[in-house]
Amino acid sequence: MRWLGWRLVILVSLAFATQVHSQEDRTLAWHLNAGYSATTGRTSDFLDGGWIIGGGLTWKPWQDRPFGLLAEINYSRYDATNQLIQLANLQQDTVRIDDGDTEIWSFNVNGVYKIPFNTWSRGYVTAGIGEYYRNVEMTQTVLLGGFYCDPWWGFCYPGVFPGDAIVSSQSTTRFAWNAGIGVEFPLAYGSWFIDARYHRIETSEPTEFIPIQVGFRF
């Protein structure tokens, strides 16, 4: 996807730029994360809670200070509510819409401030800005021709099966910001963490969601 091109370049460039330094004092840490993403505000009227997955890296330029920089890419997906489906049907009368979903790609850069609790845990607060891509698709269930392969007997035969046909699609890329808190638990190598963050995309009607994520930093 072209939209992700320069974001990936930033992540890779930062990794190579700090590779030697990080091997000496571990200023660079990659992470992977996944979790549940709850919609909030007016967004919850149109989208149910969904899921999120992503990754990124944290750069800590000063070992004696608790401040670091975080760059990450996430993907999340949400199903349309009945209210959104009804609204979509009111806006057109040629095709019956019965389902829909929304996907969000996010690229953000955050500041991170860590707060030691004890020898086995530490908290952190984070906030930052980014650019988010949102795509909304409304669909209709239709019968489509295809092939079915029996997993037990290995036979494949043609047939007609239900599938989704896209009736309408709307995408936009907008400025967004996020802020949240988390707790991190260091291990012998790396650490695992859990955090919750509020995200707000500045669309005409703001898109708001709060992912609760578990991840591993290495």
N, C-alpha and C. Protein backbone atom coordinates (compact mmCIF):
# COMPACT_ATOMS: atom_id res chain seq x y z
N MET A 1 0.84 -1.20 0.00
CA MET A 1 0.00 0.00 0.00
C MET A 1 0.87 1.24 0.00
N ARG A 2 0.63 2.14 -0.97
CA ARG A 2 1.47 3.33 -1.09
C ARG A 2 1.45 4.18 0.18
N TRP A 3 0.26 4.21 0.81
CA TRP A 3 0.10 5.05 2.00
C TRP A 3 1.10 4.70 3.08
N LEU A 4 1.52 3.42 3.15
CA LEU A 4 2.43 2.98 4.20
C LEU A 4 3.89 3.12 3.82
N GLY A 5 4.19 3.45 2.57
CA GLY A 5 5.57 3.42 2.10
C GLY A 5 6.54 4.24 2.92
N TRP A 6 6.29 5.54 3.03
CA TRP A 6 7.27 6.38 3.72
C TRP A 6 7.27 6.16 5.22
N ARG A 7 6.16 5.63 5.78
CA ARG A 7 6.16 5.31 7.21
C ARG A 7 7.10 4.15 7.51
N LEU A 8 7.08 3.15 6.63
CA LEU A 8 8.00 2.03 6.80
C LEU A 8 9.45 2.47 6.62
N VAL A 9 9.68 3.40 5.68
CA VAL A 9 11.03 3.93 5.48
C VAL A 9 11.54 4.60 6.75
N ILE A 10 10.67 5.36 7.43
CA ILE A 10 11.07 6.02 8.68
C ILE A 10 11.46 5.00 9.73
N LEU A 11 10.64 3.95 9.90
CA LEU A 11 10.94 2.93 10.90
C LEU A 11 12.26 2.21 10.61
N VAL A 12 12.45 1.82 9.36
CA VAL A 12 13.67 1.10 8.98
C VAL A 12 14.89 2.00 9.09
N SER A 13 14.77 3.25 8.66
CA SER A 13 15.89 4.19 8.72
C SER A 13 16.33 4.44 10.15
N LEU A 14 15.33 4.61 11.03
CA LEU A 14 15.66 4.83 12.44
C LEU A 14 16.35 3.61 13.04
N ALA A 15 15.91 2.43 12.63
CA ALA A 15 16.54 1.20 13.14
C ALA A 15 18.00 1.12 12.73
N PHE A 16 18.29 1.36 11.44
CA PHE A 16 19.67 1.29 10.97
C PHE A 16 20.53 2.41 11.55
N ALA A 17 19.93 3.58 11.71
CA ALA A 17 20.69 4.73 12.23
C ALA A 17 21.16 4.51 13.65
N THR A 18 20.41 3.70 14.42
CA THR A 18 20.74 3.50 15.83
C THR A 18 21.19 2.07 16.13
N GLN A 19 21.42 1.27 15.12
CA GLN A 19 21.70 -0.15 15.34
C GLN A 19 22.96 -0.37 16.19
N VAL A 20 24.07 0.25 15.83
CA VAL A 20 25.32 0.06 16.56
C VAL A 20 25.19 0.59 17.98
N HIS A 21 24.58 1.77 18.11
CA HIS A 21 24.42 2.37 19.42
C HIS A 21 23.56 1.50 20.32
N SER A 22 22.48 0.91 19.78
CA SER A 22 21.57 0.13 20.60
C SER A 22 22.21 -1.17 21.07
N GLN A 23 23.15 -1.71 20.31
CA GLN A 23 23.80 -2.93 20.74
C GLN A 23 24.66 -2.69 21.97
N GLU A 24 25.11 -1.47 22.16
CA GLU A 24 25.96 -1.17 23.30
C GLU A 24 25.14 -0.84 24.54
N ASP A 25 24.08 -0.03 24.42
CA ASP A 25 23.33 0.37 25.61
C ASP A 25 21.83 0.20 25.46
N ARG A 26 21.40 -0.54 24.46
CA ARG A 26 20.02 -0.89 24.25
C ARG A 26 19.10 0.32 24.22
N THR A 27 19.45 1.28 23.40
CA THR A 27 18.60 2.46 23.25
C THR A 27 17.42 2.19 22.34
N LEU A 28 17.44 1.12 21.57
CA LEU A 28 16.39 0.82 20.61
C LEU A 28 15.67 -0.47 20.99
N ALA A 29 14.34 -0.46 20.98
CA ALA A 29 13.56 -1.65 21.30
C ALA A 29 12.38 -1.75 20.34
N TRP A 30 12.27 -2.89 19.66
CA TRP A 30 11.12 -3.17 18.80
C TRP A 30 9.98 -3.69 19.67
N HIS A 31 8.76 -3.60 19.17
CA HIS A 31 7.65 -4.20 19.89
C HIS A 31 6.55 -4.68 18.94
N LEU A 32 5.79 -5.67 19.40
CA LEU A 32 4.60 -6.17 18.72
C LEU A 32 3.45 -6.09 19.71
N ASN A 33 2.25 -5.77 19.23
CA ASN A 33 1.12 -5.61 20.13
C ASN A 33 -0.18 -6.06 19.45
N ALA A 34 -1.17 -6.42 20.27
CA ALA A 34 -2.48 -6.81 19.78
C ALA A 34 -3.47 -6.65 20.93
N GLY A 35 -4.75 -6.47 20.57
CA GLY A 35 -5.74 -6.35 21.62
C GLY A 35 -7.11 -5.97 21.11
N TYR A 36 -7.96 -5.62 22.06
CA TYR A 36 -9.34 -5.21 21.77
C TYR A 36 -9.39 -3.69 21.65
N SER A 37 -10.18 -3.21 20.69
CA SER A 37 -10.30 -1.76 20.49
C SER A 37 -11.75 -1.35 20.65
N ALA A 38 -12.05 -0.60 21.69
CA ALA A 38 -13.42 -0.15 21.97
C ALA A 38 -13.66 1.20 21.31
N THR A 39 -14.79 1.34 20.65
CA THR A 39 -15.17 2.64 20.10
C THR A 39 -15.83 3.47 21.20
N THR A 40 -15.78 4.79 21.08
CA THR A 40 -16.32 5.66 22.11
C THR A 40 -16.93 6.90 21.47
N GLY A 41 -17.67 7.66 22.27
CA GLY A 41 -18.30 8.87 21.74
C GLY A 41 -19.32 8.53 20.68
N ARG A 42 -19.48 9.44 19.72
CA ARG A 42 -20.41 9.22 18.61
C ARG A 42 -20.00 8.04 17.74
N THR A 43 -18.72 7.73 17.74
CA THR A 43 -18.24 6.60 16.92
C THR A 43 -18.90 5.30 17.33
N SER A 44 -19.18 5.14 18.61
CA SER A 44 -19.80 3.90 19.09
C SER A 44 -21.23 3.73 18.58
N ASP A 45 -21.86 4.81 18.10
CA ASP A 45 -23.19 4.70 17.51
C ASP A 45 -23.13 4.00 16.15
N PHE A 46 -21.98 4.09 15.48
CA PHE A 46 -21.87 3.59 14.12
C PHE A 46 -20.95 2.38 13.97
N LEU A 47 -20.03 2.20 14.93
CA LEU A 47 -19.09 1.08 14.84
C LEU A 47 -19.04 0.32 16.15
N ASP A 48 -19.12 -1.00 16.07
CA ASP A 48 -18.92 -1.84 17.26
C ASP A 48 -17.43 -1.90 17.59
N GLY A 49 -17.13 -2.35 18.81
CA GLY A 49 -15.74 -2.57 19.17
C GLY A 49 -15.10 -3.61 18.27
N GLY A 50 -13.81 -3.49 18.05
CA GLY A 50 -13.12 -4.40 17.13
C GLY A 50 -11.80 -4.88 17.70
N TRP A 51 -10.84 -5.10 16.83
CA TRP A 51 -9.53 -5.60 17.25
C TRP A 51 -8.43 -4.76 16.59
N ILE A 52 -7.24 -4.84 17.19
CA ILE A 52 -6.10 -4.06 16.69
C ILE A 52 -4.84 -4.90 16.77
N ILE A 53 -3.95 -4.70 15.83
CA ILE A 53 -2.66 -5.38 15.81
C ILE A 53 -1.63 -4.42 15.22
N GLY A 54 -0.41 -4.50 15.67
CA GLY A 54 0.60 -3.58 15.14
C GLY A 54 1.98 -3.81 15.71
N GLY A 55 2.83 -2.83 15.54
CA GLY A 55 4.20 -2.91 16.01
C GLY A 55 4.93 -1.61 15.77
N GLY A 56 6.15 -1.54 16.26
CA GLY A 56 6.93 -0.32 16.10
C GLY A 56 8.23 -0.41 16.87
N LEU A 57 8.79 0.75 17.17
CA LEU A 57 10.04 0.79 17.92
C LEU A 57 10.09 2.01 18.83
N THR A 58 10.82 1.83 19.92
CA THR A 58 11.04 2.90 20.88
C THR A 58 12.52 3.24 20.90
N TRP A 59 12.82 4.53 20.85
CA TRP A 59 14.20 5.01 20.87
C TRP A 59 14.40 5.83 22.14
N LYS A 60 15.37 5.41 22.96
CA LYS A 60 15.67 6.10 24.22
C LYS A 60 17.09 6.68 24.10
N PRO A 61 17.20 7.95 23.69
CA PRO A 61 18.53 8.52 23.42
C PRO A 61 19.38 8.76 24.65
N TRP A 62 18.75 8.94 25.83
CA TRP A 62 19.51 9.21 27.05
C TRP A 62 19.20 8.14 28.08
N GLN A 63 20.20 7.35 28.44
CA GLN A 63 19.99 6.24 29.35
C GLN A 63 19.70 6.70 30.78
N ASP A 64 20.13 7.90 31.14
CA ASP A 64 19.92 8.37 32.50
C ASP A 64 18.65 9.20 32.64
N ARG A 65 17.82 9.22 31.59
CA ARG A 65 16.57 9.97 31.64
C ARG A 65 15.40 9.06 31.27
N PRO A 66 14.22 9.34 31.82
CA PRO A 66 13.07 8.44 31.59
C PRO A 66 12.29 8.71 30.31
N PHE A 67 12.80 9.58 29.46
CA PHE A 67 12.06 9.98 28.27
C PHE A 67 12.52 9.20 27.04
N GLY A 68 11.56 8.83 26.17
CA GLY A 68 11.88 8.15 24.92
C GLY A 68 10.93 8.57 23.82
N LEU A 69 11.22 8.12 22.60
CA LEU A 69 10.37 8.39 21.44
C LEU A 69 9.86 7.06 20.87
N LEU A 70 8.60 7.05 20.50
CA LEU A 70 7.95 5.85 19.99
C LEU A 70 7.38 6.12 18.59
N ALA A 71 7.69 5.22 17.64
CA ALA A 71 7.10 5.28 16.30
C ALA A 71 6.46 3.93 16.03
N GLU A 72 5.20 3.93 15.55
CA GLU A 72 4.52 2.66 15.37
C GLU A 72 3.46 2.72 14.26
N ILE A 73 3.14 1.54 13.75
CA ILE A 73 2.08 1.35 12.77
C ILE A 73 1.10 0.33 13.31
N ASN A 74 -0.20 0.64 13.26
CA ASN A 74 -1.24 -0.27 13.73
C ASN A 74 -2.33 -0.43 12.69
N TYR A 75 -2.99 -1.58 12.74
CA TYR A 75 -4.15 -1.84 11.89
C TYR A 75 -5.30 -2.29 12.79
N SER A 76 -6.47 -1.67 12.63
CA SER A 76 -7.64 -2.07 13.42
C SER A 76 -8.85 -2.20 12.52
N ARG A 77 -9.84 -2.99 12.98
CA ARG A 77 -11.02 -3.27 12.16
C ARG A 77 -12.26 -3.33 13.03
N TYR A 78 -13.38 -2.80 12.52
CA TYR A 78 -14.61 -2.69 13.29
C TYR A 78 -15.82 -3.01 12.41
N ASP A 79 -16.83 -3.68 12.98
CA ASP A 79 -18.06 -3.96 12.27
C ASP A 79 -19.03 -2.79 12.40
N ALA A 80 -19.86 -2.59 11.37
CA ALA A 80 -20.86 -1.54 11.39
C ALA A 80 -22.01 -1.92 12.34
N THR A 81 -22.55 -0.94 13.03
CA THR A 81 -23.72 -1.16 13.88
C THR A 81 -24.99 -1.16 13.02
N ASN A 82 -26.09 -1.60 13.60
CA ASN A 82 -27.37 -1.56 12.90
C ASN A 82 -27.76 -0.12 12.54
N GLN A 83 -27.38 0.81 13.40
CA GLN A 83 -27.69 2.22 13.14
C GLN A 83 -27.00 2.72 11.88
N LEU A 84 -25.74 2.35 11.69
CA LEU A 84 -25.02 2.76 10.49
C LEU A 84 -25.60 2.09 9.25
N ILE A 85 -25.98 0.81 9.36
CA ILE A 85 -26.57 0.10 8.23
C ILE A 85 -27.90 0.75 7.83
N GLN A 86 -28.72 1.09 8.81
CA GLN A 86 -29.99 1.74 8.52
C GLN A 86 -29.78 3.11 7.87
N LEU A 87 -28.80 3.86 8.38
CA LEU A 87 -28.50 5.17 7.81
C LEU A 87 -28.03 5.05 6.36
N ALA A 88 -27.20 4.05 6.08
CA ALA A 88 -26.71 3.83 4.72
C ALA A 88 -27.85 3.48 3.78
N ASN A 89 -28.83 2.71 4.25
CA ASN A 89 -29.97 2.35 3.42
C ASN A 89 -30.87 3.55 3.14
N LEU A 90 -30.96 4.48 4.07
CA LEU A 90 -31.77 5.68 3.87
C LEU A 90 -31.17 6.59 2.82
N GLN A 91 -29.82 6.51 2.66
CA GLN A 91 -29.14 7.40 1.71
C GLN A 91 -29.18 6.90 0.29
N GLN A 92 -29.61 5.66 0.08
CA GLN A 92 -29.77 5.13 -1.28
C GLN A 92 -30.87 4.08 -1.26
N ASP A 93 -31.57 3.91 -2.39
CA ASP A 93 -32.71 3.01 -2.44
C ASP A 93 -32.64 2.01 -3.59
N THR A 94 -31.46 1.85 -4.18
CA THR A 94 -31.32 0.93 -5.31
C THR A 94 -30.86 -0.45 -4.88
N VAL A 95 -30.06 -0.52 -3.82
CA VAL A 95 -29.51 -1.79 -3.34
C VAL A 95 -29.71 -1.87 -1.84
N ARG A 96 -30.04 -3.03 -1.36
CA ARG A 96 -30.23 -3.24 0.06
C ARG A 96 -28.90 -3.56 0.74
N ILE A 97 -28.49 -2.73 1.70
CA ILE A 97 -27.25 -2.94 2.45
C ILE A 97 -27.58 -3.72 3.72
N ASP A 98 -26.81 -4.76 4.01
CA ASP A 98 -27.08 -5.55 5.22
C ASP A 98 -25.86 -5.76 6.10
N ASP A 99 -24.73 -5.16 5.73
CA ASP A 99 -23.53 -5.31 6.56
C ASP A 99 -22.53 -4.22 6.19
N GLY A 100 -21.46 -4.15 6.96
CA GLY A 100 -20.41 -3.17 6.67
C GLY A 100 -19.30 -3.26 7.69
N ASP A 101 -18.18 -2.69 7.38
CA ASP A 101 -17.05 -2.65 8.32
C ASP A 101 -16.15 -1.47 8.01
N THR A 102 -15.28 -1.18 8.95
CA THR A 102 -14.32 -0.08 8.83
C THR A 102 -12.94 -0.58 9.21
N GLU A 103 -11.94 -0.22 8.41
CA GLU A 103 -10.55 -0.53 8.74
C GLU A 103 -9.78 0.77 8.91
N ILE A 104 -8.84 0.76 9.83
CA ILE A 104 -8.03 1.95 10.12
C ILE A 104 -6.56 1.55 10.16
N TRP A 105 -5.76 2.21 9.32
CA TRP A 105 -4.30 2.11 9.39
C TRP A 105 -3.80 3.38 10.08
N SER A 106 -2.97 3.23 11.08
CA SER A 106 -2.48 4.40 11.80
C SER A 106 -0.95 4.41 11.87
N PHE A 107 -0.39 5.59 11.65
CA PHE A 107 1.04 5.80 11.86
C PHE A 107 1.18 6.97 12.81
N ASN A 108 1.84 6.76 13.95
CA ASN A 108 1.98 7.84 14.91
C ASN A 108 3.37 7.86 15.53
N VAL A 109 3.76 9.04 15.97
CA VAL A 109 5.02 9.26 16.69
C VAL A 109 4.66 9.85 18.05
N ASN A 110 5.12 9.19 19.12
CA ASN A 110 4.76 9.58 20.48
C ASN A 110 5.98 9.87 21.32
N GLY A 111 5.78 10.68 22.33
CA GLY A 111 6.74 10.79 23.41
C GLY A 111 6.32 9.82 24.51
N VAL A 112 7.30 9.22 25.20
CA VAL A 112 7.01 8.27 26.27
C VAL A 112 7.80 8.67 27.51
N TYR A 113 7.12 8.72 28.64
CA TYR A 113 7.79 9.04 29.91
C TYR A 113 7.55 7.88 30.87
N LYS A 114 8.63 7.22 31.32
CA LYS A 114 8.50 6.04 32.17
C LYS A 114 8.67 6.40 33.64
N ILE A 115 7.89 5.70 34.48
CA ILE A 115 7.87 5.96 35.92
C ILE A 115 8.15 4.65 36.65
N PRO A 116 9.32 4.47 37.26
CA PRO A 116 9.63 3.22 37.95
C PRO A 116 8.71 3.00 39.16
N PHE A 117 8.18 1.79 39.28
CA PHE A 117 7.38 1.42 40.45
C PHE A 117 8.23 0.63 41.44
N ASN A 118 8.89 -0.41 40.92
CA ASN A 118 9.75 -1.27 41.73
C ASN A 118 10.70 -1.99 40.78
N THR A 119 11.38 -3.03 41.28
CA THR A 119 12.37 -3.71 40.43
C THR A 119 11.76 -4.55 39.32
N TRP A 120 10.46 -4.87 39.42
CA TRP A 120 9.86 -5.74 38.41
C TRP A 120 8.74 -5.09 37.59
N SER A 121 8.50 -3.79 37.80
CA SER A 121 7.47 -3.13 37.00
C SER A 121 7.71 -1.63 36.94
N ARG A 122 7.19 -1.02 35.90
CA ARG A 122 7.25 0.44 35.76
C ARG A 122 6.05 0.89 34.94
N GLY A 123 5.58 2.08 35.24
CA GLY A 123 4.48 2.65 34.48
C GLY A 123 5.00 3.62 33.44
N TYR A 124 4.14 4.03 32.55
CA TYR A 124 4.52 5.06 31.58
C TYR A 124 3.29 5.80 31.09
N VAL A 125 3.52 7.03 30.69
CA VAL A 125 2.49 7.84 30.03
C VAL A 125 3.02 8.17 28.64
N THR A 126 2.11 8.30 27.69
CA THR A 126 2.52 8.56 26.31
C THR A 126 1.48 9.42 25.61
N ALA A 127 1.94 10.22 24.68
CA ALA A 127 1.05 11.05 23.86
C ALA A 127 1.79 11.41 22.58
N GLY A 128 1.02 11.59 21.50
CA GLY A 128 1.65 11.93 20.24
C GLY A 128 0.65 12.22 19.14
N ILE A 129 1.17 12.42 17.96
CA ILE A 129 0.35 12.75 16.79
C ILE A 129 0.66 11.78 15.66
N GLY A 130 -0.21 11.77 14.65
CA GLY A 130 0.03 10.87 13.53
C GLY A 130 -0.90 11.14 12.37
N GLU A 131 -0.81 10.26 11.39
CA GLU A 131 -1.65 10.31 10.21
C GLU A 131 -2.36 8.96 10.10
N TYR A 132 -3.69 8.99 10.02
CA TYR A 132 -4.49 7.77 10.04
C TYR A 132 -5.30 7.66 8.75
N TYR A 133 -5.35 6.45 8.21
CA TYR A 133 -6.15 6.15 7.02
C TYR A 133 -7.37 5.35 7.45
N ARG A 134 -8.57 5.85 7.12
CA ARG A 134 -9.81 5.17 7.48
C ARG A 134 -10.59 4.81 6.22
N ASN A 135 -11.03 3.56 6.11
CA ASN A 135 -11.82 3.11 4.97
C ASN A 135 -13.10 2.44 5.47
N VAL A 136 -14.25 2.96 5.02
CA VAL A 136 -15.56 2.44 5.42
C VAL A 136 -16.18 1.76 4.20
N GLU A 137 -16.60 0.50 4.35
CA GLU A 137 -17.24 -0.24 3.27
C GLU A 137 -18.59 -0.77 3.73
N MET A 138 -19.62 -0.55 2.93
CA MET A 138 -20.94 -1.10 3.18
C MET A 138 -21.20 -2.19 2.15
N THR A 139 -21.74 -3.31 2.59
CA THR A 139 -21.86 -4.48 1.72
C THR A 139 -23.26 -5.07 1.72
N GLN A 140 -23.51 -5.91 0.72
CA GLN A 140 -24.75 -6.66 0.61
C GLN A 140 -24.39 -8.14 0.43
N THR A 141 -25.11 -9.00 1.12
CA THR A 141 -24.89 -10.44 0.96
C THR A 141 -25.56 -10.90 -0.33
N VAL A 142 -24.77 -11.51 -1.21
CA VAL A 142 -25.27 -11.98 -2.51
C VAL A 142 -24.77 -13.41 -2.73
N LEU A 143 -25.34 -14.07 -3.73
CA LEU A 143 -24.88 -15.40 -4.11
C LEU A 143 -23.83 -15.28 -5.20
N LEU A 144 -22.70 -15.92 -4.99
CA LEU A 144 -21.58 -15.85 -5.93
C LEU A 144 -21.20 -17.25 -6.39
N GLY A 145 -20.84 -17.36 -7.66
CA GLY A 145 -20.36 -18.64 -8.17
C GLY A 145 -18.94 -18.92 -7.73
N GLY A 146 -18.63 -20.16 -7.48
CA GLY A 146 -17.28 -20.51 -7.05
C GLY A 146 -17.12 -22.01 -6.93
N PHE A 147 -16.06 -22.41 -6.24
CA PHE A 147 -15.77 -23.83 -6.04
C PHE A 147 -15.68 -24.12 -4.55
N TYR A 148 -16.17 -25.28 -4.16
CA TYR A 148 -16.07 -25.73 -2.78
C TYR A 148 -15.21 -27.00 -2.74
N CYS A 149 -14.24 -27.02 -1.85
CA CYS A 149 -13.36 -28.19 -1.72
C CYS A 149 -13.61 -28.85 -0.37
N ASP A 150 -13.99 -30.10 -0.40
CA ASP A 150 -14.27 -30.85 0.81
C ASP A 150 -12.95 -31.16 1.52
N PRO A 151 -12.77 -30.67 2.77
CA PRO A 151 -11.50 -30.88 3.47
C PRO A 151 -11.24 -32.34 3.86
N TRP A 152 -12.31 -33.15 3.92
CA TRP A 152 -12.14 -34.54 4.32
C TRP A 152 -11.81 -35.45 3.14
N TRP A 153 -12.53 -35.27 2.02
CA TRP A 153 -12.37 -36.17 0.89
C TRP A 153 -11.51 -35.61 -0.22
N GLY A 154 -11.26 -34.31 -0.19
CA GLY A 154 -10.37 -33.71 -1.17
C GLY A 154 -11.01 -33.43 -2.52
N PHE A 155 -12.34 -33.55 -2.62
CA PHE A 155 -13.02 -33.27 -3.87
C PHE A 155 -13.44 -31.80 -3.94
N CYS A 156 -13.35 -31.21 -5.14
CA CYS A 156 -13.79 -29.83 -5.35
C CYS A 156 -14.88 -29.83 -6.41
N TYR A 157 -15.90 -29.03 -6.20
CA TYR A 157 -16.98 -28.97 -7.18
C TYR A 157 -17.55 -27.56 -7.22
N PRO A 158 -18.11 -27.15 -8.36
CA PRO A 158 -18.65 -25.79 -8.50
C PRO A 158 -19.98 -25.66 -7.76
N GLY A 159 -20.29 -24.41 -7.41
CA GLY A 159 -21.55 -24.16 -6.71
C GLY A 159 -21.81 -22.68 -6.58
N VAL A 160 -22.88 -22.35 -5.91
CA VAL A 160 -23.25 -20.96 -5.62
C VAL A 160 -23.25 -20.78 -4.11
N PHE A 161 -22.52 -19.77 -3.65
CA PHE A 161 -22.32 -19.59 -2.22
C PHE A 161 -22.57 -18.13 -1.84
N PRO A 162 -22.99 -17.86 -0.59
CA PRO A 162 -23.19 -16.48 -0.16
C PRO A 162 -21.85 -15.76 0.00
N GLY A 163 -21.82 -14.50 -0.37
CA GLY A 163 -20.62 -13.68 -0.24
C GLY A 163 -21.01 -12.21 -0.12
N ASP A 164 -20.04 -11.36 0.12
CA ASP A 164 -20.29 -9.93 0.29
C ASP A 164 -19.90 -9.16 -0.97
N ALA A 165 -20.82 -8.33 -1.44
CA ALA A 165 -20.56 -7.43 -2.55
C ALA A 165 -20.50 -6.00 -2.01
N ILE A 166 -19.45 -5.27 -2.34
CA ILE A 166 -19.29 -3.90 -1.84
C ILE A 166 -20.27 -2.98 -2.56
N VAL A 167 -21.13 -2.32 -1.80
CA VAL A 167 -22.12 -1.40 -2.35
C VAL A 167 -21.57 0.02 -2.37
N SER A 168 -20.89 0.41 -1.30
CA SER A 168 -20.29 1.75 -1.24
C SER A 168 -19.01 1.69 -0.43
N SER A 169 -18.09 2.59 -0.75
CA SER A 169 -16.79 2.64 -0.07
C SER A 169 -16.35 4.09 0.05
N GLN A 170 -15.88 4.45 1.22
CA GLN A 170 -15.42 5.83 1.46
C GLN A 170 -14.14 5.79 2.29
N SER A 171 -13.08 6.39 1.77
CA SER A 171 -11.81 6.39 2.49
C SER A 171 -11.30 7.82 2.64
N THR A 172 -10.51 8.03 3.71
CA THR A 172 -9.94 9.35 3.97
C THR A 172 -8.67 9.18 4.79
N THR A 173 -7.75 10.12 4.65
CA THR A 173 -6.53 10.16 5.45
C THR A 173 -6.51 11.48 6.20
N ARG A 174 -6.41 11.42 7.50
CA ARG A 174 -6.52 12.63 8.32
C ARG A 174 -5.47 12.65 9.45
N PHE A 175 -5.26 13.85 9.96
CA PHE A 175 -4.44 14.05 11.15
C PHE A 175 -5.15 13.43 12.36
N ALA A 176 -4.37 12.88 13.29
CA ALA A 176 -4.95 12.30 14.50
C ALA A 176 -3.98 12.48 15.67
N TRP A 177 -4.51 12.31 16.87
CA TRP A 177 -3.65 12.37 18.06
C TRP A 177 -4.09 11.27 19.03
N ASN A 178 -3.21 10.92 19.94
CA ASN A 178 -3.51 9.87 20.91
C ASN A 178 -2.78 10.15 22.22
N ALA A 179 -3.31 9.59 23.31
CA ALA A 179 -2.69 9.73 24.63
C ALA A 179 -3.14 8.57 25.50
N GLY A 180 -2.25 8.09 26.37
CA GLY A 180 -2.64 6.98 27.22
C GLY A 180 -1.62 6.63 28.28
N ILE A 181 -1.88 5.55 28.98
CA ILE A 181 -1.01 5.08 30.06
C ILE A 181 -0.78 3.58 29.89
N GLY A 182 0.28 3.09 30.55
CA GLY A 182 0.57 1.66 30.47
C GLY A 182 1.45 1.20 31.61
N VAL A 183 1.60 -0.11 31.70
CA VAL A 183 2.48 -0.73 32.69
C VAL A 183 3.37 -1.73 31.95
N GLU A 184 4.66 -1.72 32.28
CA GLU A 184 5.63 -2.58 31.63
C GLU A 184 6.32 -3.47 32.66
N PHE A 185 6.57 -4.74 32.26
CA PHE A 185 7.19 -5.71 33.17
C PHE A 185 8.46 -6.26 32.52
N PRO A 186 9.63 -5.81 32.95
CA PRO A 186 10.89 -6.26 32.37
C PRO A 186 11.13 -7.75 32.59
N LEU A 187 11.74 -8.38 31.58
CA LEU A 187 12.14 -9.78 31.66
C LEU A 187 13.65 -9.87 31.52
N ALA A 188 14.18 -11.09 31.54
CA ALA A 188 15.62 -11.26 31.36
C ALA A 188 16.07 -10.68 30.03
N TYR A 189 15.24 -10.84 29.01
CA TYR A 189 15.49 -10.20 27.72
C TYR A 189 14.17 -9.61 27.24
N GLY A 190 14.13 -8.30 27.10
CA GLY A 190 12.91 -7.64 26.66
C GLY A 190 11.95 -7.39 27.81
N SER A 191 10.69 -7.16 27.47
CA SER A 191 9.65 -6.90 28.47
C SER A 191 8.29 -7.08 27.82
N TRP A 192 7.28 -7.30 28.64
CA TRP A 192 5.93 -7.30 28.10
C TRP A 192 5.17 -6.15 28.75
N PHE A 193 4.12 -5.70 28.10
CA PHE A 193 3.42 -4.51 28.57
C PHE A 193 1.94 -4.60 28.25
N ILE A 194 1.17 -3.80 28.97
CA ILE A 194 -0.25 -3.61 28.70
C ILE A 194 -0.54 -2.12 28.79
N ASP A 195 -1.27 -1.59 27.81
CA ASP A 195 -1.61 -0.17 27.87
C ASP A 195 -2.97 0.11 27.26
N ALA A 196 -3.47 1.28 27.56
CA ALA A 196 -4.75 1.76 27.01
C ALA A 196 -4.53 3.19 26.53
N ARG A 197 -5.01 3.46 25.32
CA ARG A 197 -4.83 4.79 24.74
C ARG A 197 -6.09 5.29 24.06
N TYR A 198 -6.32 6.57 24.18
CA TYR A 198 -7.42 7.22 23.48
C TYR A 198 -6.88 7.77 22.16
N HIS A 199 -7.55 7.39 21.04
CA HIS A 199 -7.18 7.88 19.71
C HIS A 199 -8.34 8.71 19.15
N ARG A 200 -8.01 9.81 18.52
CA ARG A 200 -9.03 10.67 17.91
C ARG A 200 -8.56 11.08 16.52
N ILE A 201 -9.32 10.67 15.50
CA ILE A 201 -9.04 11.07 14.12
C ILE A 201 -9.90 12.27 13.80
N GLU A 202 -9.30 13.32 13.25
CA GLU A 202 -10.03 14.55 12.99
C GLU A 202 -10.78 14.49 11.66
N THR A 203 -11.71 13.53 11.58
CA THR A 203 -12.64 13.47 10.45
C THR A 203 -13.78 14.45 10.71
N SER A 204 -14.70 14.62 9.73
CA SER A 204 -15.78 15.58 9.89
C SER A 204 -16.57 15.32 11.17
N GLU A 205 -16.87 14.07 11.43
CA GLU A 205 -17.36 13.63 12.74
C GLU A 205 -16.22 12.84 13.35
N PRO A 206 -15.56 13.36 14.41
CA PRO A 206 -14.34 12.70 14.92
C PRO A 206 -14.52 11.20 15.13
N THR A 207 -13.53 10.44 14.71
CA THR A 207 -13.50 8.99 14.92
C THR A 207 -12.69 8.72 16.18
N GLU A 208 -13.32 8.10 17.19
CA GLU A 208 -12.68 7.92 18.49
C GLU A 208 -12.70 6.45 18.90
N PHE A 209 -11.57 5.97 19.38
CA PHE A 209 -11.50 4.59 19.85
C PHE A 209 -10.40 4.45 20.90
N ILE A 210 -10.54 3.43 21.75
CA ILE A 210 -9.60 3.20 22.86
C ILE A 210 -9.13 1.76 22.82
N PRO A 211 -7.98 1.47 22.22
CA PRO A 211 -7.44 0.11 22.23
C PRO A 211 -6.86 -0.23 23.60
N ILE A 212 -7.13 -1.45 24.03
CA ILE A 212 -6.49 -2.02 25.22
C ILE A 212 -5.59 -3.15 24.70
N GLN A 213 -4.28 -2.96 24.79
CA GLN A 213 -3.34 -3.83 24.10
C GLN A 213 -2.37 -4.52 25.05
N VAL A 214 -1.99 -5.70 24.66
CA VAL A 214 -0.90 -6.43 25.31
C VAL A 214 0.20 -6.60 24.27
N GLY A 215 1.44 -6.39 24.68
CA GLY A 215 2.52 -6.49 23.71
C GLY A 215 3.83 -6.97 24.32
N PHE A 216 4.78 -7.22 23.45
CA PHE A 216 6.11 -7.66 23.86
C PHE A 216 7.14 -6.74 23.22
N ARG A 217 8.04 -6.23 24.04
CA ARG A 217 9.09 -5.33 23.58
C ARG A 217 10.43 -6.08 23.65
N PHE A 218 11.21 -6.02 22.55
CA PHE A 218 12.46 -6.80 22.48
C PHE A 218 13.56 -6.04 21.77
